[in-house]
Amino acid sequence: MTSRGQKEDVEEKRERLELLRKYLERHYKIQIVRFTRLDRGVFRADKTEGRSWIVRVFPMSRSLERIQGDAQILRFLEENNFPAERCAAPEPASAPGERGVLVTEFVEGVPGEKNA
């Protein structure tokens, strides 16, 4: 890819990221001060109020119904005090455009246990 093509690709990704940020702010009535890519389709949203969120953007092949099912599983785990991510909003699954999104609360990582 040429340098010009790479610049256009980077600019297109920035524009999509900005559209996602604006969608989240409108949909969930929040204000995001920093939006950082953590992995492919996974972002950290630092907000002006409350805990940061993890925003997962799923491929078009994953239906909104399946993403809502993921949220139901997370709620079940929370109700049973299982240490897992927590949904970040009453309706954490949504679909801006053709891709589904799931928002959960950011959990600071801890080192895993080493096998003895």
PDB file of N, CA and C in Angstrom:
ATOM      1  N   MET A   1       0.853  -1.179   0.000  1.00  0.00           N
ATOM      2  CA  MET A   1       0.000   0.000   0.000  1.00  0.00           C
ATOM      3  C   MET A   1       0.891   1.232   0.000  1.00  0.00           C
ATOM      4  N   THR A   2       0.513   2.207  -0.769  1.00  0.00           N
ATOM      5  CA  THR A   2       1.300   3.431  -0.838  1.00  0.00           C
ATOM      6  C   THR A   2       1.133   4.239   0.433  1.00  0.00           C
ATOM      7  N   SER A   3       2.028   5.181   0.594  1.00  0.00           N
ATOM      8  CA  SER A   3       1.959   6.057   1.765  1.00  0.00           C
ATOM      9  C   SER A   3       0.631   6.815   1.776  1.00  0.00           C
ATOM     10  N   ARG A   4       0.198   7.257   0.608  1.00  0.00           N
ATOM     11  CA  ARG A   4      -1.081   7.975   0.518  1.00  0.00           C
ATOM     12  C   ARG A   4      -2.240   7.062   0.895  1.00  0.00           C
ATOM     13  N   GLY A   5      -2.202   5.811   0.415  1.00  0.00           N
ATOM     14  CA  GLY A   5      -3.241   4.840   0.748  1.00  0.00           C
ATOM     15  C   GLY A   5      -3.273   4.533   2.228  1.00  0.00           C
ATOM     16  N   GLN A   6      -2.104   4.448   2.846  1.00  0.00           N
ATOM     17  CA  GLN A   6      -2.030   4.194   4.287  1.00  0.00           C
ATOM     18  C   GLN A   6      -2.627   5.362   5.064  1.00  0.00           C
ATOM     19  N   LYS A   7      -2.330   6.581   4.639  1.00  0.00           N
ATOM     20  CA  LYS A   7      -2.866   7.768   5.307  1.00  0.00           C
ATOM     21  C   LYS A   7      -4.381   7.807   5.198  1.00  0.00           C
ATOM     22  N   GLU A   8      -4.900   7.457   4.025  1.00  0.00           N
ATOM     23  CA  GLU A   8      -6.352   7.434   3.837  1.00  0.00           C
ATOM     24  C   GLU A   8      -6.995   6.370   4.709  1.00  0.00           C
ATOM     25  N   ASP A   9      -6.353   5.204   4.834  1.00  0.00           N
ATOM     26  CA  ASP A   9      -6.861   4.124   5.672  1.00  0.00           C
ATOM     27  C   ASP A   9      -6.886   4.547   7.135  1.00  0.00           C
ATOM     28  N   VAL A  10      -5.825   5.173   7.603  1.00  0.00           N
ATOM     29  CA  VAL A  10      -5.756   5.649   8.988  1.00  0.00           C
ATOM     30  C   VAL A  10      -6.828   6.707   9.220  1.00  0.00           C
ATOM     31  N   GLU A  11      -7.003   7.610   8.278  1.00  0.00           N
ATOM     32  CA  GLU A  11      -8.015   8.655   8.422  1.00  0.00           C
ATOM     33  C   GLU A  11      -9.425   8.060   8.460  1.00  0.00           C
ATOM     34  N   GLU A  12      -9.678   7.048   7.632  1.00  0.00           N
ATOM     35  CA  GLU A  12     -10.987   6.390   7.631  1.00  0.00           C
ATOM     36  C   GLU A  12     -11.258   5.710   8.971  1.00  0.00           C
ATOM     37  N   LYS A  13     -10.259   5.067   9.551  1.00  0.00           N
ATOM     38  CA  LYS A  13     -10.410   4.430  10.856  1.00  0.00           C
ATOM     39  C   LYS A  13     -10.691   5.469  11.936  1.00  0.00           C
ATOM     40  N   ARG A  14     -10.000   6.602  11.882  1.00  0.00           N
ATOM     41  CA  ARG A  14     -10.244   7.680  12.846  1.00  0.00           C
ATOM     42  C   ARG A  14     -11.679   8.194  12.739  1.00  0.00           C
ATOM     43  N   GLU A  15     -12.155   8.346  11.517  1.00  0.00           N
ATOM     44  CA  GLU A  15     -13.521   8.827  11.306  1.00  0.00           C
ATOM     45  C   GLU A  15     -14.545   7.838  11.861  1.00  0.00           C
ATOM     46  N   ARG A  16     -14.318   6.538  11.627  1.00  0.00           N
ATOM     47  CA  ARG A  16     -15.237   5.521  12.161  1.00  0.00           C
ATOM     48  C   ARG A  16     -15.209   5.504  13.681  1.00  0.00           C
ATOM     49  N   LEU A  17     -14.037   5.666  14.257  1.00  0.00           N
ATOM     50  CA  LEU A  17     -13.900   5.711  15.709  1.00  0.00           C
ATOM     51  C   LEU A  17     -14.624   6.930  16.279  1.00  0.00           C
ATOM     52  N   GLU A  18     -14.510   8.051  15.612  1.00  0.00           N
ATOM     53  CA  GLU A  18     -15.191   9.266  16.062  1.00  0.00           C
ATOM     54  C   GLU A  18     -16.710   9.110  15.950  1.00  0.00           C
ATOM     55  N   LEU A  19     -17.189   8.475  14.892  1.00  0.00           N
ATOM     56  CA  LEU A  19     -18.627   8.219  14.754  1.00  0.00           C
ATOM     57  C   LEU A  19     -19.123   7.308  15.873  1.00  0.00           C
ATOM     58  N   LEU A  20     -18.342   6.292  16.224  1.00  0.00           N
ATOM     59  CA  LEU A  20     -18.708   5.393  17.311  1.00  0.00           C
ATOM     60  C   LEU A  20     -18.756   6.158  18.632  1.00  0.00           C
ATOM     61  N   ARG A  21     -17.765   6.980  18.880  1.00  0.00           N
ATOM     62  CA  ARG A  21     -17.735   7.777  20.113  1.00  0.00           C
ATOM     63  C   ARG A  21     -18.971   8.669  20.210  1.00  0.00           C
ATOM     64  N   LYS A  22     -19.295   9.351  19.140  1.00  0.00           N
ATOM     65  CA  LYS A  22     -20.474  10.235  19.134  1.00  0.00           C
ATOM     66  C   LYS A  22     -21.762   9.434  19.333  1.00  0.00           C
ATOM     67  N   TYR A  23     -21.845   8.263  18.702  1.00  0.00           N
ATOM     68  CA  TYR A  23     -23.020   7.413  18.889  1.00  0.00           C
ATOM     69  C   TYR A  23     -23.174   7.042  20.356  1.00  0.00           C
ATOM     70  N   LEU A  24     -22.107   6.586  20.994  1.00  0.00           N
ATOM     71  CA  LEU A  24     -22.163   6.188  22.401  1.00  0.00           C
ATOM     72  C   LEU A  24     -22.591   7.358  23.288  1.00  0.00           C
ATOM     73  N   GLU A  25     -22.056   8.530  23.022  1.00  0.00           N
ATOM     74  CA  GLU A  25     -22.424   9.700  23.822  1.00  0.00           C
ATOM     75  C   GLU A  25     -23.916  10.021  23.690  1.00  0.00           C
ATOM     76  N   ARG A  26     -24.425   9.968  22.465  1.00  0.00           N
ATOM     77  CA  ARG A  26     -25.856  10.249  22.246  1.00  0.00           C
ATOM     78  C   ARG A  26     -26.737   9.143  22.832  1.00  0.00           C
ATOM     79  N   HIS A  27     -26.412   7.908  22.517  1.00  0.00           N
ATOM     80  CA  HIS A  27     -27.250   6.768  22.894  1.00  0.00           C
ATOM     81  C   HIS A  27     -27.317   6.574  24.405  1.00  0.00           C
ATOM     82  N   TYR A  28     -26.172   6.716  25.080  1.00  0.00           N
ATOM     83  CA  TYR A  28     -26.117   6.460  26.515  1.00  0.00           C
ATOM     84  C   TYR A  28     -26.087   7.739  27.356  1.00  0.00           C
ATOM     85  N   LYS A  29     -26.148   8.885  26.680  1.00  0.00           N
ATOM     86  CA  LYS A  29     -26.157  10.181  27.373  1.00  0.00           C
ATOM     87  C   LYS A  29     -24.965  10.306  28.327  1.00  0.00           C
ATOM     88  N   ILE A  30     -23.794  10.089  27.758  1.00  0.00           N
ATOM     89  CA  ILE A  30     -22.533  10.189  28.497  1.00  0.00           C
ATOM     90  C   ILE A  30     -21.620  11.143  27.745  1.00  0.00           C
ATOM     91  N   GLN A  31     -20.519  11.519  28.376  1.00  0.00           N
ATOM     92  CA  GLN A  31     -19.491  12.302  27.698  1.00  0.00           C
ATOM     93  C   GLN A  31     -18.176  11.547  27.828  1.00  0.00           C
ATOM     94  N   ILE A  32     -17.575  11.269  26.694  1.00  0.00           N
ATOM     95  CA  ILE A  32     -16.313  10.536  26.655  1.00  0.00           C
ATOM     96  C   ILE A  32     -15.173  11.533  26.491  1.00  0.00           C
ATOM     97  N   VAL A  33     -14.187  11.444  27.382  1.00  0.00           N
ATOM     98  CA  VAL A  33     -13.044  12.351  27.311  1.00  0.00           C
ATOM     99  C   VAL A  33     -11.848  11.722  26.602  1.00  0.00           C
ATOM    100  N   ARG A  34     -11.803  10.385  26.593  1.00  0.00           N
ATOM    101  CA  ARG A  34     -10.733   9.690  25.877  1.00  0.00           C
ATOM    102  C   ARG A  34     -11.285   8.353  25.399  1.00  0.00           C
ATOM    103  N   PHE A  35     -10.969   8.026  24.157  1.00  0.00           N
ATOM    104  CA  PHE A  35     -11.443   6.798  23.536  1.00  0.00           C
ATOM    105  C   PHE A  35     -10.221   6.103  22.955  1.00  0.00           C
ATOM    106  N   THR A  36      -9.861   4.953  23.512  1.00  0.00           N
ATOM    107  CA  THR A  36      -8.606   4.297  23.174  1.00  0.00           C
ATOM    108  C   THR A  36      -8.844   2.888  22.659  1.00  0.00           C
ATOM    109  N   ARG A  37      -8.197   2.542  21.573  1.00  0.00           N
ATOM    110  CA  ARG A  37      -8.277   1.181  21.036  1.00  0.00           C
ATOM    111  C   ARG A  37      -7.401   0.274  21.891  1.00  0.00           C
ATOM    112  N   LEU A  38      -7.977  -0.833  22.369  1.00  0.00           N
ATOM    113  CA  LEU A  38      -7.226  -1.810  23.152  1.00  0.00           C
ATOM    114  C   LEU A  38      -6.852  -3.030  22.321  1.00  0.00           C
ATOM    115  N   ASP A  39      -7.741  -3.396  21.416  1.00  0.00           N
ATOM    116  CA  ASP A  39      -7.551  -4.574  20.586  1.00  0.00           C
ATOM    117  C   ASP A  39      -8.476  -4.412  19.383  1.00  0.00           C
ATOM    118  N   ARG A  40      -8.445  -5.349  18.489  1.00  0.00           N
ATOM    119  CA  ARG A  40      -9.323  -5.267  17.324  1.00  0.00           C
ATOM    120  C   ARG A  40     -10.780  -5.315  17.783  1.00  0.00           C
ATOM    121  N   GLY A  41     -11.508  -4.231  17.543  1.00  0.00           N
ATOM    122  CA  GLY A  41     -12.921  -4.162  17.912  1.00  0.00           C
ATOM    123  C   GLY A  41     -13.175  -3.937  19.387  1.00  0.00           C
ATOM    124  N   VAL A  42     -12.131  -3.633  20.177  1.00  0.00           N
ATOM    125  CA  VAL A  42     -12.285  -3.423  21.617  1.00  0.00           C
ATOM    126  C   VAL A  42     -11.666  -2.076  21.984  1.00  0.00           C
ATOM    127  N   PHE A  43     -12.463  -1.251  22.665  1.00  0.00           N
ATOM    128  CA  PHE A  43     -12.038   0.106  22.998  1.00  0.00           C
ATOM    129  C   PHE A  43     -12.311   0.410  24.470  1.00  0.00           C
ATOM    130  N   ARG A  44     -11.516   1.307  25.011  1.00  0.00           N
ATOM    131  CA  ARG A  44     -11.754   1.817  26.358  1.00  0.00           C
ATOM    132  C   ARG A  44     -12.308   3.227  26.212  1.00  0.00           C
ATOM    133  N   ALA A  45     -13.433   3.481  26.891  1.00  0.00           N
ATOM    134  CA  ALA A  45     -14.054   4.801  26.876  1.00  0.00           C
ATOM    135  C   ALA A  45     -13.939   5.390  28.273  1.00  0.00           C
ATOM    136  N   ASP A  46     -13.082   6.395  28.429  1.00  0.00           N
ATOM    137  CA  ASP A  46     -12.971   7.111  29.695  1.00  0.00           C
ATOM    138  C   ASP A  46     -13.990   8.241  29.663  1.00  0.00           C
ATOM    139  N   LYS A  47     -14.860   8.265  30.684  1.00  0.00           N
ATOM    140  CA  LYS A  47     -15.978   9.206  30.711  1.00  0.00           C
ATOM    141  C   LYS A  47     -15.725  10.311  31.735  1.00  0.00           C
ATOM    142  N   THR A  48     -16.498  11.377  31.615  1.00  0.00           N
ATOM    143  CA  THR A  48     -16.363  12.475  32.578  1.00  0.00           C
ATOM    144  C   THR A  48     -16.866  12.066  33.949  1.00  0.00           C
ATOM    145  N   GLU A  49     -17.831  11.151  34.000  1.00  0.00           N
ATOM    146  CA  GLU A  49     -18.392  10.704  35.274  1.00  0.00           C
ATOM    147  C   GLU A  49     -18.429   9.185  35.315  1.00  0.00           C
ATOM    148  N   GLY A  50     -18.166   8.628  36.482  1.00  0.00           N
ATOM    149  CA  GLY A  50     -18.279   7.187  36.659  1.00  0.00           C
ATOM    150  C   GLY A  50     -17.088   6.426  36.098  1.00  0.00           C
ATOM    151  N   ARG A  51     -17.215   5.119  36.188  1.00  0.00           N
ATOM    152  CA  ARG A  51     -16.139   4.225  35.734  1.00  0.00           C
ATOM    153  C   ARG A  51     -16.005   4.230  34.225  1.00  0.00           C
ATOM    154  N   SER A  52     -14.822   3.919  33.778  1.00  0.00           N
ATOM    155  CA  SER A  52     -14.577   3.784  32.339  1.00  0.00           C
ATOM    156  C   SER A  52     -15.318   2.549  31.828  1.00  0.00           C
ATOM    157  N   TRP A  53     -15.559   2.529  30.526  1.00  0.00           N
ATOM    158  CA  TRP A  53     -16.252   1.421  29.890  1.00  0.00           C
ATOM    159  C   TRP A  53     -15.336   0.704  28.917  1.00  0.00           C
ATOM    160  N   ILE A  54     -15.678  -0.550  28.672  1.00  0.00           N
ATOM    161  CA  ILE A  54     -15.102  -1.298  27.562  1.00  0.00           C
ATOM    162  C   ILE A  54     -16.202  -1.391  26.508  1.00  0.00           C
ATOM    163  N   VAL A  55     -15.857  -1.050  25.302  1.00  0.00           N
ATOM    164  CA  VAL A  55     -16.803  -1.061  24.186  1.00  0.00           C
ATOM    165  C   VAL A  55     -16.330  -2.114  23.197  1.00  0.00           C
ATOM    166  N   ARG A  56     -17.162  -3.122  22.978  1.00  0.00           N
ATOM    167  CA  ARG A  56     -16.837  -4.182  22.023  1.00  0.00           C
ATOM    168  C   ARG A  56     -17.700  -4.013  20.781  1.00  0.00           C
ATOM    169  N   VAL A  57     -17.051  -3.933  19.648  1.00  0.00           N
ATOM    170  CA  VAL A  57     -17.747  -3.828  18.368  1.00  0.00           C
ATOM    171  C   VAL A  57     -17.604  -5.181  17.677  1.00  0.00           C
ATOM    172  N   PHE A  58     -18.736  -5.815  17.417  1.00  0.00           N
ATOM    173  CA  PHE A  58     -18.738  -7.164  16.866  1.00  0.00           C
ATOM    174  C   PHE A  58     -18.809  -7.145  15.341  1.00  0.00           C
ATOM    175  N   PRO A  59     -18.381  -8.232  14.710  1.00  0.00           N
ATOM    176  CA  PRO A  59     -18.496  -8.333  13.251  1.00  0.00           C
ATOM    177  C   PRO A  59     -19.969  -8.331  12.829  1.00  0.00           C
ATOM    178  N   MET A  60     -20.203  -7.957  11.595  1.00  0.00           N
ATOM    179  CA  MET A  60     -21.575  -7.904  11.077  1.00  0.00           C
ATOM    180  C   MET A  60     -22.246  -9.277  11.144  1.00  0.00           C
ATOM    181  N   SER A  61     -21.462 -10.341  11.145  1.00  0.00           N
ATOM    182  CA  SER A  61     -22.028 -11.691  11.165  1.00  0.00           C
ATOM    183  C   SER A  61     -22.626 -12.066  12.529  1.00  0.00           C
ATOM    184  N   ARG A  62     -22.322 -11.309  13.583  1.00  0.00           N
ATOM    185  CA  ARG A  62     -22.867 -11.611  14.913  1.00  0.00           C
ATOM    186  C   ARG A  62     -24.122 -10.763  15.116  1.00  0.00           C
ATOM    187  N   SER A  63     -25.247 -11.412  15.287  1.00  0.00           N
ATOM    188  CA  SER A  63     -26.536 -10.714  15.383  1.00  0.00           C
ATOM    189  C   SER A  63     -26.674  -9.970  16.712  1.00  0.00           C
ATOM    190  N   LEU A  64     -27.513  -8.963  16.710  1.00  0.00           N
ATOM    191  CA  LEU A  64     -27.797  -8.213  17.926  1.00  0.00           C
ATOM    192  C   LEU A  64     -28.398  -9.132  18.986  1.00  0.00           C
ATOM    193  N   GLU A  65     -29.205 -10.094  18.566  1.00  0.00           N
ATOM    194  CA  GLU A  65     -29.816 -11.031  19.513  1.00  0.00           C
ATOM    195  C   GLU A  65     -28.743 -11.824  20.266  1.00  0.00           C
ATOM    196  N   ARG A  66     -27.691 -12.223  19.575  1.00  0.00           N
ATOM    197  CA  ARG A  66     -26.600 -12.962  20.237  1.00  0.00           C
ATOM    198  C   ARG A  66     -25.855 -12.062  21.210  1.00  0.00           C
ATOM    199  N   ILE A  67     -25.674 -10.813  20.847  1.00  0.00           N
ATOM    200  CA  ILE A  67     -24.984  -9.868  21.730  1.00  0.00           C
ATOM    201  C   ILE A  67     -25.847  -9.588  22.960  1.00  0.00           C
ATOM    202  N   GLN A  68     -27.142  -9.482  22.766  1.00  0.00           N
ATOM    203  CA  GLN A  68     -28.044  -9.321  23.909  1.00  0.00           C
ATOM    204  C   GLN A  68     -27.983 -10.555  24.807  1.00  0.00           C
ATOM    205  N   GLY A  69     -27.813 -11.721  24.216  1.00  0.00           N
ATOM    206  CA  GLY A  69     -27.641 -12.946  24.989  1.00  0.00           C
ATOM    207  C   GLY A  69     -26.367 -12.901  25.834  1.00  0.00           C
ATOM    208  N   ASP A  70     -25.309 -12.337  25.265  1.00  0.00           N
ATOM    209  CA  ASP A  70     -24.070 -12.160  26.032  1.00  0.00           C
ATOM    210  C   ASP A  70     -24.332 -11.282  27.257  1.00  0.00           C
ATOM    211  N   ALA A  71     -25.094 -10.219  27.059  1.00  0.00           N
ATOM    212  CA  ALA A  71     -25.422  -9.315  28.176  1.00  0.00           C
ATOM    213  C   ALA A  71     -26.247 -10.044  29.234  1.00  0.00           C
ATOM    214  N   GLN A  72     -27.169 -10.896  28.809  1.00  0.00           N
ATOM    215  CA  GLN A  72     -27.966 -11.665  29.773  1.00  0.00           C
ATOM    216  C   GLN A  72     -27.084 -12.602  30.600  1.00  0.00           C
ATOM    217  N   ILE A  73     -26.108 -13.195  29.956  1.00  0.00           N
ATOM    218  CA  ILE A  73     -25.175 -14.063  30.690  1.00  0.00           C
ATOM    219  C   ILE A  73     -24.399 -13.245  31.721  1.00  0.00           C
ATOM    220  N   LEU A  74     -23.928 -12.071  31.326  1.00  0.00           N
ATOM    221  CA  LEU A  74     -23.196 -11.222  32.269  1.00  0.00           C
ATOM    222  C   LEU A  74     -24.082 -10.822  33.454  1.00  0.00           C
ATOM    223  N   ARG A  75     -25.338 -10.535  33.192  1.00  0.00           N
ATOM    224  CA  ARG A  75     -26.259 -10.191  34.290  1.00  0.00           C
ATOM    225  C   ARG A  75     -26.472 -11.387  35.224  1.00  0.00           C
ATOM    226  N   PHE A  76     -26.619 -12.569  34.651  1.00  0.00           N
ATOM    227  CA  PHE A  76     -26.772 -13.784  35.456  1.00  0.00           C
ATOM    228  C   PHE A  76     -25.553 -13.974  36.357  1.00  0.00           C
ATOM    229  N   LEU A  77     -24.365 -13.805  35.793  1.00  0.00           N
ATOM    230  CA  LEU A  77     -23.137 -13.951  36.576  1.00  0.00           C
ATOM    231  C   LEU A  77     -23.075 -12.921  37.699  1.00  0.00           C
ATOM    232  N   GLU A  78     -23.495 -11.697  37.402  1.00  0.00           N
ATOM    233  CA  GLU A  78     -23.509 -10.653  38.426  1.00  0.00           C
ATOM    234  C   GLU A  78     -24.485 -10.997  39.545  1.00  0.00           C
ATOM    235  N   GLU A  79     -25.681 -11.442  39.192  1.00  0.00           N
ATOM    236  CA  GLU A  79     -26.695 -11.810  40.189  1.00  0.00           C
ATOM    237  C   GLU A  79     -26.221 -12.937  41.100  1.00  0.00           C
ATOM    238  N   ASN A  80     -25.298 -13.755  40.611  1.00  0.00           N
ATOM    239  CA  ASN A  80     -24.775 -14.867  41.387  1.00  0.00           C
ATOM    240  C   ASN A  80     -23.373 -14.588  41.936  1.00  0.00           C
ATOM    241  N   ASN A  81     -23.035 -13.303  41.983  1.00  0.00           N
ATOM    242  CA  ASN A  81     -21.761 -12.837  42.553  1.00  0.00           C
ATOM    243  C   ASN A  81     -20.536 -13.513  41.952  1.00  0.00           C
ATOM    244  N   PHE A  82     -20.616 -13.851  40.681  1.00  0.00           N
ATOM    245  CA  PHE A  82     -19.482 -14.447  39.996  1.00  0.00           C
ATOM    246  C   PHE A  82     -18.555 -13.336  39.533  1.00  0.00           C
ATOM    247  N   PRO A  83     -17.251 -13.480  39.742  1.00  0.00           N
ATOM    248  CA  PRO A  83     -16.327 -12.422  39.321  1.00  0.00           C
ATOM    249  C   PRO A  83     -16.204 -12.373  37.795  1.00  0.00           C
ATOM    250  N   ALA A  84     -16.927 -11.458  37.201  1.00  0.00           N
ATOM    251  CA  ALA A  84     -16.920 -11.291  35.749  1.00  0.00           C
ATOM    252  C   ALA A  84     -17.209  -9.827  35.441  1.00  0.00           C
ATOM    253  N   GLU A  85     -17.094  -9.468  34.196  1.00  0.00           N
ATOM    254  CA  GLU A  85     -17.427  -8.106  33.787  1.00  0.00           C
ATOM    255  C   GLU A  85     -18.876  -7.800  34.125  1.00  0.00           C
ATOM    256  N   ARG A  86     -19.171  -6.535  34.279  1.00  0.00           N
ATOM    257  CA  ARG A  86     -20.527  -6.076  34.565  1.00  0.00           C
ATOM    258  C   ARG A  86     -21.013  -5.199  33.418  1.00  0.00           C
ATOM    259  N   CYS A  87     -22.271  -5.346  33.086  1.00  0.00           N
ATOM    260  CA  CYS A  87     -22.870  -4.495  32.065  1.00  0.00           C
ATOM    261  C   CYS A  87     -22.766  -3.045  32.524  1.00  0.00           C
ATOM    262  N   ALA A  88     -22.491  -2.145  31.590  1.00  0.00           N
ATOM    263  CA  ALA A  88     -22.273  -0.751  31.930  1.00  0.00           C
ATOM    264  C   ALA A  88     -23.540   0.095  31.863  1.00  0.00           C
ATOM    265  N   ALA A  89     -24.611  -0.471  31.347  1.00  0.00           N
ATOM    266  CA  ALA A  89     -25.854   0.289  31.184  1.00  0.00           C
ATOM    267  C   ALA A  89     -27.026  -0.683  31.246  1.00  0.00           C
ATOM    268  N   PRO A  90     -28.233  -0.169  31.520  1.00  0.00           N
ATOM    269  CA  PRO A  90     -29.408  -1.054  31.558  1.00  0.00           C
ATOM    270  C   PRO A  90     -29.618  -1.810  30.240  1.00  0.00           C
ATOM    271  N   GLU A  91     -29.327  -1.178  29.127  1.00  0.00           N
ATOM    272  CA  GLU A  91     -29.410  -1.824  27.808  1.00  0.00           C
ATOM    273  C   GLU A  91     -28.013  -1.773  27.189  1.00  0.00           C
ATOM    274  N   PRO A  92     -27.125  -2.695  27.565  1.00  0.00           N
ATOM    275  CA  PRO A  92     -25.730  -2.596  27.138  1.00  0.00           C
ATOM    276  C   PRO A  92     -25.456  -2.998  25.690  1.00  0.00           C
ATOM    277  N   ALA A  93     -26.403  -3.657  25.053  1.00  0.00           N
ATOM    278  CA  ALA A  93     -26.224  -4.077  23.660  1.00  0.00           C
ATOM    279  C   ALA A  93     -27.027  -3.168  22.750  1.00  0.00           C
ATOM    280  N   SER A  94     -26.395  -2.718  21.674  1.00  0.00           N
ATOM    281  CA  SER A  94     -27.088  -1.892  20.693  1.00  0.00           C
ATOM    282  C   SER A  94     -26.432  -2.118  19.342  1.00  0.00           C
ATOM    283  N   ALA A  95     -27.014  -1.522  18.323  1.00  0.00           N
ATOM    284  CA  ALA A  95     -26.487  -1.746  16.971  1.00  0.00           C
ATOM    285  C   ALA A  95     -26.479  -0.459  16.167  1.00  0.00           C
ATOM    286  N   PRO A  96     -25.403   0.309  16.293  1.00  0.00           N
ATOM    287  CA  PRO A  96     -25.283   1.476  15.405  1.00  0.00           C
ATOM    288  C   PRO A  96     -24.843   0.991  14.027  1.00  0.00           C
ATOM    289  N   GLY A  97     -25.612   1.272  13.032  1.00  0.00           N
ATOM    290  CA  GLY A  97     -25.250   0.793  11.703  1.00  0.00           C
ATOM    291  C   GLY A  97     -25.435  -0.704  11.603  1.00  0.00           C
ATOM    292  N   GLU A  98     -24.470  -1.379  11.019  1.00  0.00           N
ATOM    293  CA  GLU A  98     -24.587  -2.812  10.757  1.00  0.00           C
ATOM    294  C   GLU A  98     -23.885  -3.679  11.779  1.00  0.00           C
ATOM    295  N   ARG A  99     -23.218  -3.090  12.752  1.00  0.00           N
ATOM    296  CA  ARG A  99     -22.445  -3.861  13.737  1.00  0.00           C
ATOM    297  C   ARG A  99     -23.023  -3.690  15.126  1.00  0.00           C
ATOM    298  N   GLY A 100     -23.051  -4.793  15.868  1.00  0.00           N
ATOM    299  CA  GLY A 100     -23.512  -4.739  17.236  1.00  0.00           C
ATOM    300  C   GLY A 100     -22.417  -4.280  18.178  1.00  0.00           C
ATOM    301  N   VAL A 101     -22.833  -3.658  19.277  1.00  0.00           N
ATOM    302  CA  VAL A 101     -21.911  -3.120  20.273  1.00  0.00           C
ATOM    303  C   VAL A 101     -22.375  -3.583  21.654  1.00  0.00           C
ATOM    304  N   LEU A 102     -21.417  -3.917  22.517  1.00  0.00           N
ATOM    305  CA  LEU A 102     -21.704  -4.269  23.909  1.00  0.00           C
ATOM    306  C   LEU A 102     -20.806  -3.414  24.796  1.00  0.00           C
ATOM    307  N   VAL A 103     -21.420  -2.750  25.800  1.00  0.00           N
ATOM    308  CA  VAL A 103     -20.640  -1.926  26.723  1.00  0.00           C
ATOM    309  C   VAL A 103     -20.639  -2.557  28.104  1.00  0.00           C
ATOM    310  N   THR A 104     -19.439  -2.683  28.670  1.00  0.00           N
ATOM    311  CA  THR A 104     -19.266  -3.220  30.015  1.00  0.00           C
ATOM    312  C   THR A 104     -18.377  -2.258  30.795  1.00  0.00           C
ATOM    313  N   GLU A 105     -18.366  -2.421  32.121  1.00  0.00           N
ATOM    314  CA  GLU A 105     -17.505  -1.577  32.938  1.00  0.00           C
ATOM    315  C   GLU A 105     -16.056  -2.046  32.816  1.00  0.00           C
ATOM    316  N   PHE A 106     -15.156  -1.098  32.802  1.00  0.00           N
ATOM    317  CA  PHE A 106     -13.733  -1.415  32.755  1.00  0.00           C
ATOM    318  C   PHE A 106     -13.303  -1.968  34.104  1.00  0.00           C
ATOM    319  N   VAL A 107     -12.563  -3.069  34.066  1.00  0.00           N
ATOM    320  CA  VAL A 107     -12.036  -3.681  35.284  1.00  0.00           C
ATOM    321  C   VAL A 107     -10.519  -3.662  35.181  1.00  0.00           C
ATOM    322  N   GLU A 108      -9.891  -3.052  36.172  1.00  0.00           N
ATOM    323  CA  GLU A 108      -8.429  -3.006  36.187  1.00  0.00           C
ATOM    324  C   GLU A 108      -7.885  -4.429  36.262  1.00  0.00           C
ATOM    325  N   GLY A 109      -6.921  -4.743  35.441  1.00  0.00           N
ATOM    326  CA  GLY A 109      -6.367  -6.090  35.408  1.00  0.00           C
ATOM    327  C   GLY A 109      -5.563  -6.435  36.641  1.00  0.00           C
ATOM    328  N   VAL A 110      -5.559  -7.699  36.965  1.00  0.00           N
ATOM    329  CA  VAL A 110      -4.729  -8.216  38.060  1.00  0.00           C
ATOM    330  C   VAL A 110      -3.943  -9.394  37.517  1.00  0.00           C
ATOM    331  N   PRO A 111      -2.751  -9.599  38.024  1.00  0.00           N
ATOM    332  CA  PRO A 111      -1.965 -10.731  37.532  1.00  0.00           C
ATOM    333  C   PRO A 111      -2.658 -12.051  37.821  1.00  0.00           C
ATOM    334  N   GLY A 112      -2.581 -12.965  36.887  1.00  0.00           N
ATOM    335  CA  GLY A 112      -3.167 -14.284  37.079  1.00  0.00           C
ATOM    336  C   GLY A 112      -2.314 -15.126  38.018  1.00  0.00           C
ATOM    337  N   GLU A 113      -2.906 -16.168  38.527  1.00  0.00           N
ATOM    338  CA  GLU A 113      -2.173 -17.075  39.403  1.00  0.00           C
ATOM    339  C   GLU A 113      -1.241 -17.939  38.570  1.00  0.00           C
ATOM    340  N   LYS A 114      -0.063 -18.211  39.118  1.00  0.00           N
ATOM    341  CA  LYS A 114       0.889 -19.074  38.433  1.00  0.00           C
ATOM    342  C   LYS A 114       0.636 -20.511  38.855  1.00  0.00           C
ATOM    343  N   ASN A 115       0.776 -21.411  37.928  1.00  0.00           N
ATOM    344  CA  ASN A 115       0.633 -22.836  38.247  1.00  0.00           C
ATOM    345  C   ASN A 115       1.799 -23.275  39.123  1.00  0.00           C
ATOM    346  N   ALA A 116       1.508 -24.029  40.148  1.00  0.00           N
ATOM    347  CA  ALA A 116       2.582 -24.478  41.059  1.00  0.00           C
ATOM    348  C   ALA A 116       3.238 -25.729  40.544  1.00  0.00           C
TER     349      ALA A 116
END
